[in-house]
């Protein structure tokens, strides 16, 4: 469903990674681990078209993405990708419910369908009763759950998650991992998860470690 072939990235003249290749099937849960600074978050951003790559090719559902312009990338992210950012990127001027429902609004779905799906996701992430609050009224862990609910609300084909349990207590983290697991089993969503948490990596079908010269089988520890 997702294929990367020999991706390479530099920051200026400094190489970040090269020769990154992988195949991710529909419904597969892959954890990506590695040392700090090796480029795990950069790789997720490259897969989502948020950072350009310097070499290599990538495909989603058999469609090569290298030729997409910015409008094409925006449409792909809106329709087929979910992204959980490490820094949340929750919009401060919108309520929790409005943040979670934003992907559905951008897809032009009807208001009643948006409200029903948002209520479902708020309950699944333990945020029921908080839909009317503003982000400034939430804890870091609650903001993380808003970001996760927003990333899954439109049933994406591919979920890219950057440390999605990093600000959560163990019990809530387990609940979120259950939610990701349910999404990939029920919807066929493929999950590419960047994590330092052994408990999160242990839930994946495969664990790969990112090195400057590519990906190898690995563990979180």
N, C-alpha and C. Protein backbone atom coordinates (compact mmCIF):
# COMPACT_ATOMS: atom_id res chain seq x y z
N UNK A 1 0.83 -1.20 0.00
CA UNK A 1 0.00 0.00 0.00
C UNK A 1 0.87 1.25 0.00
N UNK A 2 1.94 1.24 0.80
CA UNK A 2 2.95 2.29 0.77
C UNK A 2 4.28 1.65 0.39
N UNK A 3 4.97 2.26 -0.53
CA UNK A 3 6.29 1.76 -0.91
C UNK A 3 7.25 2.92 -1.01
N UNK A 4 8.41 2.79 -0.38
CA UNK A 4 9.49 3.76 -0.47
C UNK A 4 10.68 3.07 -1.13
N UNK A 5 11.32 3.76 -2.04
CA UNK A 5 12.45 3.19 -2.76
C UNK A 5 13.62 4.17 -2.72
N UNK A 6 14.64 3.81 -1.93
CA UNK A 6 15.92 4.53 -1.88
C UNK A 6 15.75 6.02 -1.60
N UNK A 7 14.91 6.36 -0.62
CA UNK A 7 14.72 7.76 -0.25
C UNK A 7 16.00 8.31 0.40
N UNK A 8 16.30 9.55 0.08
CA UNK A 8 17.45 10.23 0.68
C UNK A 8 17.05 11.67 1.01
N UNK A 9 17.62 12.17 2.10
CA UNK A 9 17.30 13.53 2.55
C UNK A 9 18.56 14.19 3.10
N UNK A 10 18.75 15.44 2.72
CA UNK A 10 19.84 16.26 3.26
C UNK A 10 19.27 17.54 3.84
N UNK A 11 19.91 18.06 4.86
CA UNK A 11 19.64 19.40 5.34
C UNK A 11 20.83 20.25 4.92
N UNK A 12 20.67 21.02 3.85
CA UNK A 12 21.82 21.72 3.29
C UNK A 12 22.79 20.71 2.70
N UNK A 13 24.03 20.76 3.16
CA UNK A 13 25.03 19.79 2.71
C UNK A 13 25.15 18.60 3.66
N UNK A 14 24.36 18.60 4.72
CA UNK A 14 24.47 17.55 5.74
C UNK A 14 23.48 16.43 5.42
N UNK A 15 23.96 15.21 5.15
CA UNK A 15 23.03 14.11 4.90
C UNK A 15 22.30 13.70 6.17
N UNK A 16 21.00 13.43 6.04
CA UNK A 16 20.19 12.95 7.16
C UNK A 16 20.06 11.44 7.08
N UNK A 17 19.56 10.94 5.95
CA UNK A 17 19.50 9.51 5.70
C UNK A 17 19.55 9.28 4.19
N UNK A 18 19.83 8.03 3.82
CA UNK A 18 19.84 7.66 2.41
C UNK A 18 19.47 6.19 2.30
N UNK A 19 19.07 5.79 1.10
CA UNK A 19 18.76 4.39 0.79
C UNK A 19 17.67 3.83 1.72
N UNK A 20 16.66 4.64 2.01
CA UNK A 20 15.55 4.17 2.85
C UNK A 20 14.48 3.56 1.95
N UNK A 21 14.28 2.26 2.10
CA UNK A 21 13.31 1.53 1.30
C UNK A 21 12.45 0.68 2.21
N UNK A 22 11.15 0.63 1.94
CA UNK A 22 10.25 -0.26 2.69
C UNK A 22 8.96 -0.46 1.92
N UNK A 23 8.25 -1.51 2.29
CA UNK A 23 6.90 -1.77 1.79
C UNK A 23 6.00 -1.96 3.01
N UNK A 24 4.86 -1.30 2.98
CA UNK A 24 3.89 -1.37 4.07
C UNK A 24 2.55 -1.76 3.47
N UNK A 25 1.99 -2.86 3.96
CA UNK A 25 0.74 -3.37 3.41
C UNK A 25 -0.46 -2.74 4.12
N UNK A 26 -1.61 -2.77 3.47
CA UNK A 26 -2.85 -2.30 4.09
C UNK A 26 -3.10 -3.10 5.37
N UNK A 27 -3.43 -2.39 6.44
CA UNK A 27 -3.70 -3.03 7.72
C UNK A 27 -2.48 -3.40 8.51
N UNK A 28 -1.28 -3.10 8.00
CA UNK A 28 -0.05 -3.45 8.72
C UNK A 28 0.33 -2.33 9.68
N UNK A 29 0.91 -2.71 10.81
CA UNK A 29 1.34 -1.78 11.86
C UNK A 29 2.86 -1.90 11.94
N UNK A 30 3.56 -0.85 11.54
CA UNK A 30 5.02 -0.84 11.52
C UNK A 30 5.54 0.24 12.46
N UNK A 31 6.42 -0.14 13.35
CA UNK A 31 7.06 0.81 14.26
C UNK A 31 8.45 1.15 13.75
N UNK A 32 8.75 2.43 13.75
CA UNK A 32 10.05 2.94 13.30
C UNK A 32 10.77 3.52 14.51
N UNK A 33 11.94 2.96 14.81
CA UNK A 33 12.72 3.40 15.95
C UNK A 33 14.09 3.86 15.45
N UNK A 34 14.89 4.42 16.37
CA UNK A 34 16.22 4.87 16.00
C UNK A 34 16.71 5.94 16.95
N UNK A 35 17.99 6.23 16.86
CA UNK A 35 18.59 7.22 17.74
C UNK A 35 18.01 8.61 17.46
N UNK A 36 18.04 9.47 18.47
CA UNK A 36 17.61 10.85 18.28
C UNK A 36 18.45 11.52 17.21
N UNK A 37 17.80 12.27 16.34
CA UNK A 37 18.51 13.01 15.31
C UNK A 37 18.79 12.25 14.03
N UNK A 38 18.35 10.98 13.96
CA UNK A 38 18.64 10.19 12.77
C UNK A 38 17.66 10.48 11.63
N UNK A 39 16.55 11.18 11.93
CA UNK A 39 15.66 11.60 10.87
C UNK A 39 14.33 10.88 10.81
N UNK A 40 13.89 10.31 11.92
CA UNK A 40 12.62 9.57 11.91
C UNK A 40 11.45 10.49 11.61
N UNK A 41 11.37 11.63 12.30
CA UNK A 41 10.29 12.57 12.04
C UNK A 41 10.40 13.15 10.63
N UNK A 42 11.61 13.41 10.19
CA UNK A 42 11.81 13.92 8.83
C UNK A 42 11.29 12.93 7.81
N UNK A 43 11.51 11.64 8.05
CA UNK A 43 11.02 10.62 7.13
C UNK A 43 9.49 10.63 7.06
N UNK A 44 8.83 10.75 8.21
CA UNK A 44 7.36 10.83 8.21
C UNK A 44 6.89 12.05 7.42
N UNK A 45 7.54 13.17 7.63
CA UNK A 45 7.16 14.38 6.91
C UNK A 45 7.37 14.22 5.41
N UNK A 46 8.42 13.51 5.02
CA UNK A 46 8.67 13.28 3.60
C UNK A 46 7.59 12.40 2.99
N UNK A 47 7.17 11.37 3.72
CA UNK A 47 6.12 10.48 3.22
C UNK A 47 4.81 11.25 3.02
N UNK A 48 4.57 12.25 3.87
CA UNK A 48 3.35 13.05 3.78
C UNK A 48 3.47 14.23 2.83
N UNK A 49 4.63 14.39 2.20
CA UNK A 49 4.81 15.52 1.29
C UNK A 49 5.00 16.84 1.99
N UNK A 50 5.32 16.81 3.28
CA UNK A 50 5.54 18.04 4.04
C UNK A 50 7.00 18.50 3.98
N UNK A 51 7.90 17.61 3.55
CA UNK A 51 9.29 17.95 3.30
C UNK A 51 9.70 17.29 1.99
N UNK A 52 10.43 18.00 1.14
CA UNK A 52 10.88 17.39 -0.12
C UNK A 52 11.98 16.36 0.14
N UNK A 53 12.04 15.35 -0.71
CA UNK A 53 13.15 14.41 -0.65
C UNK A 53 14.19 14.80 -1.68
N UNK A 54 15.42 14.39 -1.47
CA UNK A 54 16.50 14.71 -2.40
C UNK A 54 16.75 13.60 -3.41
N UNK A 55 16.30 12.39 -3.10
CA UNK A 55 16.43 11.28 -4.04
C UNK A 55 15.44 10.21 -3.63
N UNK A 56 15.11 9.34 -4.58
CA UNK A 56 14.23 8.22 -4.29
C UNK A 56 12.82 8.41 -4.84
N UNK A 57 12.00 7.40 -4.64
CA UNK A 57 10.62 7.40 -5.16
C UNK A 57 9.70 6.84 -4.09
N UNK A 58 8.44 7.25 -4.12
CA UNK A 58 7.45 6.71 -3.19
C UNK A 58 6.11 6.57 -3.88
N UNK A 59 5.37 5.55 -3.44
CA UNK A 59 4.06 5.23 -3.99
C UNK A 59 3.06 5.04 -2.86
N UNK A 60 1.82 5.40 -3.09
CA UNK A 60 0.71 5.10 -2.19
C UNK A 60 -0.41 4.50 -3.02
N UNK A 61 -0.84 3.30 -2.64
CA UNK A 61 -1.87 2.58 -3.40
C UNK A 61 -1.52 2.48 -4.88
N UNK A 62 -0.24 2.27 -5.17
CA UNK A 62 0.19 2.10 -6.55
C UNK A 62 0.40 3.39 -7.32
N UNK A 63 0.08 4.53 -6.72
CA UNK A 63 0.26 5.83 -7.38
C UNK A 63 1.59 6.43 -6.97
N UNK A 64 2.46 6.70 -7.96
CA UNK A 64 3.72 7.34 -7.64
C UNK A 64 3.46 8.80 -7.30
N UNK A 65 4.07 9.25 -6.20
CA UNK A 65 3.74 10.57 -5.66
C UNK A 65 4.74 11.65 -6.04
N UNK A 66 5.82 11.26 -6.69
CA UNK A 66 6.86 12.24 -6.97
C UNK A 66 6.41 13.37 -7.86
N UNK A 67 5.41 13.14 -8.70
CA UNK A 67 4.97 14.19 -9.61
C UNK A 67 3.88 15.09 -9.07
N UNK A 68 3.46 14.89 -7.81
CA UNK A 68 2.39 15.71 -7.26
C UNK A 68 2.85 17.14 -7.01
N UNK A 69 1.99 18.10 -7.35
CA UNK A 69 2.25 19.48 -6.95
C UNK A 69 1.66 19.70 -5.56
N UNK A 70 1.75 20.91 -5.04
CA UNK A 70 1.30 21.16 -3.67
C UNK A 70 -0.19 20.90 -3.52
N UNK A 71 -0.97 21.26 -4.55
CA UNK A 71 -2.41 21.00 -4.48
C UNK A 71 -2.69 19.50 -4.45
N UNK A 72 -1.92 18.72 -5.20
CA UNK A 72 -2.09 17.28 -5.20
C UNK A 72 -1.74 16.66 -3.87
N UNK A 73 -0.65 17.14 -3.27
CA UNK A 73 -0.28 16.65 -1.94
C UNK A 73 -1.34 17.02 -0.91
N UNK A 74 -1.85 18.24 -0.99
CA UNK A 74 -2.88 18.66 -0.03
C UNK A 74 -4.12 17.78 -0.16
N UNK A 75 -4.51 17.46 -1.39
CA UNK A 75 -5.67 16.60 -1.60
C UNK A 75 -5.41 15.19 -1.06
N UNK A 76 -4.21 14.66 -1.30
CA UNK A 76 -3.88 13.33 -0.79
C UNK A 76 -3.91 13.30 0.73
N UNK A 77 -3.33 14.33 1.37
CA UNK A 77 -3.36 14.37 2.84
C UNK A 77 -4.79 14.48 3.35
N UNK A 78 -5.60 15.25 2.67
CA UNK A 78 -6.98 15.46 3.11
C UNK A 78 -7.80 14.18 2.98
N UNK A 79 -7.57 13.43 1.92
CA UNK A 79 -8.43 12.28 1.62
C UNK A 79 -7.90 10.96 2.16
N UNK A 80 -6.58 10.77 2.17
CA UNK A 80 -6.06 9.43 2.41
C UNK A 80 -5.05 9.30 3.54
N UNK A 81 -4.56 10.42 4.07
CA UNK A 81 -3.56 10.36 5.12
C UNK A 81 -4.11 10.91 6.44
N UNK A 82 -3.64 10.33 7.53
CA UNK A 82 -3.81 10.91 8.86
C UNK A 82 -2.43 11.12 9.45
N UNK A 83 -2.22 12.23 10.14
CA UNK A 83 -0.89 12.53 10.69
C UNK A 83 -1.05 13.00 12.13
N UNK A 84 -0.36 12.32 13.03
CA UNK A 84 -0.29 12.74 14.43
C UNK A 84 1.09 13.38 14.63
N UNK A 85 1.12 14.69 14.77
CA UNK A 85 2.38 15.41 14.92
C UNK A 85 2.86 15.33 16.37
N UNK A 86 4.17 15.33 16.53
CA UNK A 86 4.74 15.31 17.87
C UNK A 86 4.33 16.56 18.66
N UNK A 87 4.17 17.68 17.95
CA UNK A 87 3.80 18.94 18.61
C UNK A 87 2.30 19.21 18.53
N UNK A 88 1.51 18.18 18.21
CA UNK A 88 0.04 18.21 18.20
C UNK A 88 -0.53 18.99 17.00
N UNK A 89 -0.17 20.29 16.85
CA UNK A 89 -0.74 21.16 15.82
C UNK A 89 -2.26 21.25 15.92
N UNK A 90 -2.76 21.28 17.14
CA UNK A 90 -4.18 21.53 17.38
C UNK A 90 -4.43 23.02 17.20
N UNK A 91 -5.50 23.38 16.49
CA UNK A 91 -5.77 24.80 16.20
C UNK A 91 -6.37 25.47 17.43
N UNK A 92 -5.71 26.50 17.98
CA UNK A 92 -6.14 27.07 19.26
C UNK A 92 -7.47 27.80 19.20
N UNK A 93 -7.88 28.26 18.00
CA UNK A 93 -9.11 29.04 17.88
C UNK A 93 -10.35 28.17 17.71
N UNK A 94 -10.17 26.85 17.59
CA UNK A 94 -11.28 25.92 17.42
C UNK A 94 -11.50 25.11 18.69
N UNK A 95 -12.73 24.72 18.94
CA UNK A 95 -13.01 23.83 20.06
C UNK A 95 -12.44 22.45 19.78
N UNK A 96 -12.45 21.61 20.80
CA UNK A 96 -12.00 20.22 20.63
C UNK A 96 -12.80 19.54 19.52
N UNK A 97 -14.13 19.64 19.58
CA UNK A 97 -14.96 18.99 18.57
C UNK A 97 -14.68 19.55 17.18
N UNK A 98 -14.47 20.86 17.07
CA UNK A 98 -14.20 21.45 15.76
C UNK A 98 -12.85 20.99 15.23
N UNK A 99 -11.86 20.87 16.10
CA UNK A 99 -10.56 20.35 15.68
C UNK A 99 -10.68 18.94 15.15
N UNK A 100 -11.38 18.09 15.89
CA UNK A 100 -11.50 16.69 15.49
C UNK A 100 -12.28 16.57 14.18
N UNK A 101 -13.32 17.38 14.02
CA UNK A 101 -14.15 17.30 12.83
C UNK A 101 -13.61 18.01 11.61
N UNK A 102 -12.50 18.74 11.75
CA UNK A 102 -11.99 19.54 10.63
C UNK A 102 -11.72 18.72 9.37
N UNK A 103 -11.08 17.53 9.44
CA UNK A 103 -10.88 16.76 8.20
C UNK A 103 -12.18 16.43 7.49
N UNK A 104 -13.24 16.14 8.23
CA UNK A 104 -14.52 15.82 7.60
C UNK A 104 -15.15 17.06 6.98
N UNK A 105 -14.97 18.20 7.64
CA UNK A 105 -15.48 19.45 7.08
C UNK A 105 -14.78 19.78 5.77
N UNK A 106 -13.46 19.55 5.72
CA UNK A 106 -12.71 19.82 4.50
C UNK A 106 -13.10 18.89 3.37
N UNK A 107 -13.60 17.70 3.74
CA UNK A 107 -14.08 16.76 2.73
C UNK A 107 -15.51 17.03 2.30
N UNK A 108 -16.14 18.03 2.92
CA UNK A 108 -17.47 18.43 2.52
C UNK A 108 -18.58 17.55 3.05
N UNK A 109 -18.35 16.83 4.14
CA UNK A 109 -19.39 15.98 4.69
C UNK A 109 -20.46 16.80 5.40
N UNK A 110 -21.65 16.22 5.50
CA UNK A 110 -22.78 16.90 6.12
C UNK A 110 -22.57 17.06 7.61
N UNK A 111 -23.19 18.11 8.17
CA UNK A 111 -23.00 18.43 9.58
C UNK A 111 -23.41 17.32 10.52
N UNK A 112 -24.53 16.64 10.24
CA UNK A 112 -24.97 15.58 11.16
C UNK A 112 -24.02 14.40 11.14
N UNK A 113 -23.47 14.08 9.97
CA UNK A 113 -22.49 13.00 9.88
C UNK A 113 -21.21 13.37 10.61
N UNK A 114 -20.81 14.63 10.49
CA UNK A 114 -19.61 15.09 11.20
C UNK A 114 -19.82 14.97 12.70
N UNK A 115 -20.95 15.44 13.19
CA UNK A 115 -21.20 15.40 14.64
C UNK A 115 -21.22 13.97 15.17
N UNK A 116 -21.82 13.06 14.43
CA UNK A 116 -21.89 11.67 14.87
C UNK A 116 -20.50 11.04 14.91
N UNK A 117 -19.72 11.28 13.88
CA UNK A 117 -18.38 10.68 13.83
C UNK A 117 -17.46 11.31 14.88
N UNK A 118 -17.56 12.62 15.08
CA UNK A 118 -16.75 13.29 16.10
C UNK A 118 -17.10 12.74 17.48
N UNK A 119 -18.38 12.56 17.78
CA UNK A 119 -18.78 12.00 19.07
C UNK A 119 -18.20 10.61 19.27
N UNK A 120 -18.19 9.83 18.20
CA UNK A 120 -17.61 8.48 18.26
C UNK A 120 -16.12 8.52 18.59
N UNK A 121 -15.40 9.44 17.94
CA UNK A 121 -13.95 9.53 18.15
C UNK A 121 -13.62 10.12 19.52
N UNK A 122 -14.43 11.07 20.00
CA UNK A 122 -14.18 11.62 21.33
C UNK A 122 -14.37 10.55 22.40
N UNK A 123 -15.37 9.72 22.23
CA UNK A 123 -15.58 8.64 23.19
C UNK A 123 -14.43 7.63 23.11
N UNK A 124 -14.00 7.30 21.90
CA UNK A 124 -12.95 6.30 21.73
C UNK A 124 -11.62 6.75 22.33
N UNK A 125 -11.37 8.05 22.33
CA UNK A 125 -10.11 8.57 22.85
C UNK A 125 -10.23 9.09 24.28
N UNK A 126 -11.36 8.87 24.92
CA UNK A 126 -11.53 9.29 26.31
C UNK A 126 -11.73 10.77 26.48
N UNK A 127 -12.25 11.44 25.44
CA UNK A 127 -12.47 12.89 25.48
C UNK A 127 -13.95 13.26 25.50
N UNK A 128 -14.83 12.27 25.66
CA UNK A 128 -16.26 12.58 25.67
C UNK A 128 -16.55 13.54 26.82
N UNK A 129 -17.38 14.54 26.53
CA UNK A 129 -17.67 15.59 27.50
C UNK A 129 -16.78 16.81 27.37
N UNK A 130 -15.72 16.70 26.53
CA UNK A 130 -14.76 17.81 26.40
C UNK A 130 -14.86 18.49 25.03
N UNK A 131 -15.85 18.12 24.23
CA UNK A 131 -15.93 18.65 22.87
C UNK A 131 -16.06 20.15 22.79
N UNK A 132 -16.66 20.78 23.79
CA UNK A 132 -16.86 22.23 23.76
C UNK A 132 -15.71 23.03 24.32
N UNK A 133 -14.70 22.36 24.85
CA UNK A 133 -13.57 23.09 25.43
C UNK A 133 -12.62 23.60 24.35
N UNK A 134 -11.84 24.62 24.72
CA UNK A 134 -10.80 25.15 23.86
C UNK A 134 -9.49 24.45 24.18
N UNK A 135 -8.58 24.34 23.22
CA UNK A 135 -7.30 23.67 23.48
C UNK A 135 -6.54 24.21 24.68
N UNK A 136 -6.64 25.51 24.93
CA UNK A 136 -5.91 26.10 26.07
C UNK A 136 -6.39 25.55 27.41
N UNK A 137 -7.56 24.94 27.43
CA UNK A 137 -8.11 24.39 28.67
C UNK A 137 -7.72 22.93 28.89
N UNK A 138 -6.92 22.36 27.99
CA UNK A 138 -6.59 20.95 28.05
C UNK A 138 -5.16 20.73 28.52
N UNK A 139 -4.93 19.55 29.06
CA UNK A 139 -3.57 19.13 29.42
C UNK A 139 -2.84 18.65 28.17
N UNK A 140 -1.54 18.44 28.30
CA UNK A 140 -0.76 17.94 27.16
C UNK A 140 -1.25 16.58 26.70
N UNK A 141 -1.58 15.72 27.65
CA UNK A 141 -2.09 14.41 27.27
C UNK A 141 -3.42 14.47 26.55
N UNK A 142 -4.28 15.39 26.99
CA UNK A 142 -5.57 15.57 26.31
C UNK A 142 -5.39 16.12 24.90
N UNK A 143 -4.46 17.06 24.74
CA UNK A 143 -4.17 17.59 23.42
C UNK A 143 -3.66 16.49 22.48
N UNK A 144 -2.85 15.59 23.02
CA UNK A 144 -2.36 14.47 22.22
C UNK A 144 -3.52 13.62 21.72
N UNK A 145 -4.50 13.41 22.59
CA UNK A 145 -5.65 12.59 22.20
C UNK A 145 -6.53 13.31 21.17
N UNK A 146 -6.62 14.63 21.27
CA UNK A 146 -7.33 15.39 20.24
C UNK A 146 -6.65 15.18 18.89
N UNK A 147 -5.33 15.25 18.88
CA UNK A 147 -4.58 15.08 17.63
C UNK A 147 -4.81 13.69 17.05
N UNK A 148 -4.87 12.69 17.90
CA UNK A 148 -5.08 11.31 17.44
C UNK A 148 -6.49 11.14 16.90
N UNK A 149 -7.48 11.68 17.61
CA UNK A 149 -8.87 11.60 17.13
C UNK A 149 -9.01 12.30 15.78
N UNK A 150 -8.39 13.45 15.61
CA UNK A 150 -8.46 14.17 14.34
C UNK A 150 -7.80 13.39 13.22
N UNK A 151 -6.70 12.70 13.52
CA UNK A 151 -5.98 11.95 12.49
C UNK A 151 -6.75 10.73 12.02
N UNK A 152 -7.63 10.19 12.86
CA UNK A 152 -8.36 8.97 12.52
C UNK A 152 -9.80 9.21 12.09
N UNK A 153 -10.31 10.42 12.27
CA UNK A 153 -11.75 10.66 12.11
C UNK A 153 -12.24 10.38 10.69
N UNK A 154 -11.39 10.60 9.68
CA UNK A 154 -11.82 10.42 8.29
C UNK A 154 -11.44 9.05 7.74
N UNK A 155 -11.05 8.13 8.61
CA UNK A 155 -10.71 6.75 8.24
C UNK A 155 -9.63 6.74 7.14
N UNK A 156 -8.44 7.24 7.46
CA UNK A 156 -7.39 7.35 6.43
C UNK A 156 -6.87 5.99 5.98
N UNK A 157 -6.34 5.95 4.78
CA UNK A 157 -5.68 4.74 4.28
C UNK A 157 -4.36 4.52 5.00
N UNK A 158 -3.67 5.60 5.34
CA UNK A 158 -2.36 5.52 5.99
C UNK A 158 -2.33 6.50 7.15
N UNK A 159 -1.92 6.01 8.31
CA UNK A 159 -1.74 6.87 9.48
C UNK A 159 -0.25 6.98 9.78
N UNK A 160 0.24 8.20 9.83
CA UNK A 160 1.61 8.50 10.20
C UNK A 160 1.58 9.12 11.59
N UNK A 161 2.24 8.49 12.54
CA UNK A 161 2.13 8.92 13.94
C UNK A 161 3.52 9.12 14.54
N UNK A 162 3.79 10.33 14.97
CA UNK A 162 5.10 10.70 15.51
C UNK A 162 5.00 10.77 17.03
N UNK A 163 5.47 9.72 17.70
CA UNK A 163 5.43 9.62 19.17
C UNK A 163 4.02 9.88 19.71
N UNK A 164 3.01 9.16 19.26
CA UNK A 164 1.64 9.48 19.66
C UNK A 164 1.32 9.18 21.11
N UNK A 165 2.16 8.39 21.79
CA UNK A 165 1.92 8.11 23.20
C UNK A 165 2.92 8.81 24.11
N UNK A 166 3.68 9.73 23.55
CA UNK A 166 4.77 10.33 24.31
C UNK A 166 4.35 11.15 25.51
N UNK A 167 3.14 11.72 25.49
CA UNK A 167 2.68 12.57 26.60
C UNK A 167 1.57 11.92 27.41
N UNK A 168 1.43 10.60 27.28
CA UNK A 168 0.32 9.91 27.91
C UNK A 168 0.79 8.99 29.03
N UNK A 169 -0.05 8.85 30.05
CA UNK A 169 0.25 7.88 31.10
C UNK A 169 0.09 6.48 30.51
N UNK A 170 0.66 5.45 31.17
CA UNK A 170 0.65 4.10 30.59
C UNK A 170 -0.74 3.59 30.26
N UNK A 171 -1.73 3.86 31.12
CA UNK A 171 -3.07 3.37 30.85
C UNK A 171 -3.69 4.01 29.63
N UNK A 172 -3.55 5.34 29.50
CA UNK A 172 -4.09 6.04 28.35
C UNK A 172 -3.32 5.66 27.08
N UNK A 173 -2.00 5.49 27.22
CA UNK A 173 -1.21 5.07 26.07
C UNK A 173 -1.69 3.72 25.53
N UNK A 174 -1.97 2.80 26.44
CA UNK A 174 -2.47 1.49 26.01
C UNK A 174 -3.81 1.62 25.31
N UNK A 175 -4.66 2.52 25.80
CA UNK A 175 -5.96 2.73 25.17
C UNK A 175 -5.80 3.29 23.76
N UNK A 176 -4.86 4.20 23.57
CA UNK A 176 -4.62 4.78 22.25
C UNK A 176 -4.06 3.72 21.31
N UNK A 177 -3.16 2.89 21.79
CA UNK A 177 -2.63 1.82 20.95
C UNK A 177 -3.72 0.83 20.58
N UNK A 178 -4.65 0.59 21.50
CA UNK A 178 -5.82 -0.25 21.17
C UNK A 178 -6.62 0.39 20.02
N UNK A 179 -6.76 1.71 20.07
CA UNK A 179 -7.52 2.43 19.05
C UNK A 179 -6.82 2.32 17.69
N UNK A 180 -5.51 2.48 17.66
CA UNK A 180 -4.77 2.35 16.41
C UNK A 180 -4.89 0.93 15.88
N UNK A 181 -4.81 -0.04 16.77
CA UNK A 181 -4.92 -1.43 16.37
C UNK A 181 -6.30 -1.72 15.80
N UNK A 182 -7.34 -1.16 16.44
CA UNK A 182 -8.70 -1.37 15.95
C UNK A 182 -8.89 -0.73 14.58
N UNK A 183 -8.31 0.46 14.37
CA UNK A 183 -8.45 1.14 13.08
C UNK A 183 -7.83 0.33 11.96
N UNK A 184 -6.68 -0.25 12.21
CA UNK A 184 -6.04 -0.99 11.13
C UNK A 184 -6.75 -2.32 10.88
N UNK A 185 -7.34 -2.90 11.92
CA UNK A 185 -8.06 -4.16 11.72
C UNK A 185 -9.44 -3.93 11.09
N UNK A 186 -10.12 -2.87 11.52
CA UNK A 186 -11.48 -2.61 11.05
C UNK A 186 -11.49 -1.91 9.70
N UNK A 187 -10.61 -0.92 9.54
CA UNK A 187 -10.64 -0.10 8.33
C UNK A 187 -9.55 -0.47 7.33
N UNK A 188 -8.61 -1.33 7.74
CA UNK A 188 -7.49 -1.63 6.86
C UNK A 188 -6.46 -0.52 6.81
N UNK A 189 -6.51 0.40 7.79
CA UNK A 189 -5.54 1.50 7.84
C UNK A 189 -4.14 0.95 8.10
N UNK A 190 -3.19 1.37 7.30
CA UNK A 190 -1.79 1.04 7.56
C UNK A 190 -1.23 2.09 8.53
N UNK A 191 -0.45 1.65 9.50
CA UNK A 191 0.08 2.53 10.54
C UNK A 191 1.60 2.52 10.49
N UNK A 192 2.19 3.70 10.34
CA UNK A 192 3.64 3.88 10.44
C UNK A 192 3.90 4.76 11.65
N UNK A 193 4.46 4.17 12.68
CA UNK A 193 4.57 4.79 14.00
C UNK A 193 6.03 5.03 14.35
N UNK A 194 6.38 6.27 14.64
CA UNK A 194 7.69 6.59 15.20
C UNK A 194 7.57 6.59 16.71
N UNK A 195 8.45 5.87 17.38
CA UNK A 195 8.34 5.79 18.84
C UNK A 195 9.68 5.46 19.48
N UNK A 196 9.84 5.89 20.73
CA UNK A 196 10.93 5.44 21.59
C UNK A 196 10.41 4.49 22.65
N UNK A 197 9.10 4.30 22.71
CA UNK A 197 8.48 3.51 23.78
C UNK A 197 8.47 2.02 23.42
N UNK A 198 9.07 1.22 24.26
CA UNK A 198 9.09 -0.22 24.00
C UNK A 198 7.68 -0.79 23.95
N UNK A 199 6.78 -0.31 24.83
CA UNK A 199 5.42 -0.85 24.87
C UNK A 199 4.70 -0.58 23.55
N UNK A 200 4.94 0.60 22.96
CA UNK A 200 4.31 0.93 21.69
C UNK A 200 4.90 0.09 20.56
N UNK A 201 6.22 -0.02 20.52
CA UNK A 201 6.86 -0.81 19.47
C UNK A 201 6.45 -2.28 19.55
N UNK A 202 6.23 -2.77 20.77
CA UNK A 202 5.86 -4.17 20.94
C UNK A 202 4.50 -4.50 20.34
N UNK A 203 3.66 -3.49 20.12
CA UNK A 203 2.34 -3.73 19.54
C UNK A 203 2.38 -3.85 18.02
N UNK A 204 3.50 -3.50 17.41
CA UNK A 204 3.60 -3.47 15.96
C UNK A 204 3.84 -4.87 15.39
N UNK A 205 3.46 -5.03 14.12
CA UNK A 205 3.76 -6.27 13.40
C UNK A 205 5.25 -6.39 13.13
N UNK A 206 5.88 -5.26 12.84
CA UNK A 206 7.32 -5.23 12.57
C UNK A 206 7.92 -3.99 13.22
N UNK A 207 9.19 -4.08 13.57
CA UNK A 207 9.95 -2.93 14.07
C UNK A 207 11.17 -2.77 13.17
N UNK A 208 11.34 -1.56 12.63
CA UNK A 208 12.52 -1.24 11.83
C UNK A 208 13.27 -0.10 12.49
N UNK A 209 14.59 -0.19 12.45
CA UNK A 209 15.44 0.86 13.02
C UNK A 209 16.04 1.68 11.88
N UNK A 210 15.88 3.00 11.97
CA UNK A 210 16.42 3.89 10.96
C UNK A 210 17.88 4.21 11.27
N UNK A 211 18.73 3.97 10.29
CA UNK A 211 20.14 4.33 10.34
C UNK A 211 20.42 5.34 9.23
N UNK A 212 21.55 6.04 9.30
CA UNK A 212 21.84 7.00 8.23
C UNK A 212 21.88 6.39 6.84
N UNK A 213 22.17 5.08 6.77
CA UNK A 213 22.26 4.43 5.46
C UNK A 213 21.10 3.47 5.19
N UNK A 214 19.95 3.66 5.87
CA UNK A 214 18.79 2.85 5.55
C UNK A 214 18.10 2.26 6.75
N UNK A 215 17.18 1.34 6.49
CA UNK A 215 16.38 0.69 7.53
C UNK A 215 16.85 -0.75 7.74
N UNK A 216 16.84 -1.17 9.02
CA UNK A 216 17.18 -2.55 9.34
C UNK A 216 16.21 -3.04 10.41
N UNK A 217 15.99 -4.36 10.49
CA UNK A 217 15.17 -4.87 11.59
C UNK A 217 15.73 -4.38 12.92
N UNK A 218 14.84 -3.98 13.83
CA UNK A 218 15.34 -3.41 15.07
C UNK A 218 14.36 -3.53 16.21
N UNK A 219 14.74 -2.99 17.34
CA UNK A 219 13.92 -2.93 18.53
C UNK A 219 14.00 -1.53 19.07
N UNK A 220 13.07 -1.22 19.99
CA UNK A 220 13.05 0.13 20.57
C UNK A 220 14.15 0.34 21.60
N UNK A 221 14.58 -0.74 22.24
CA UNK A 221 15.58 -0.60 23.29
C UNK A 221 16.99 -0.67 22.78
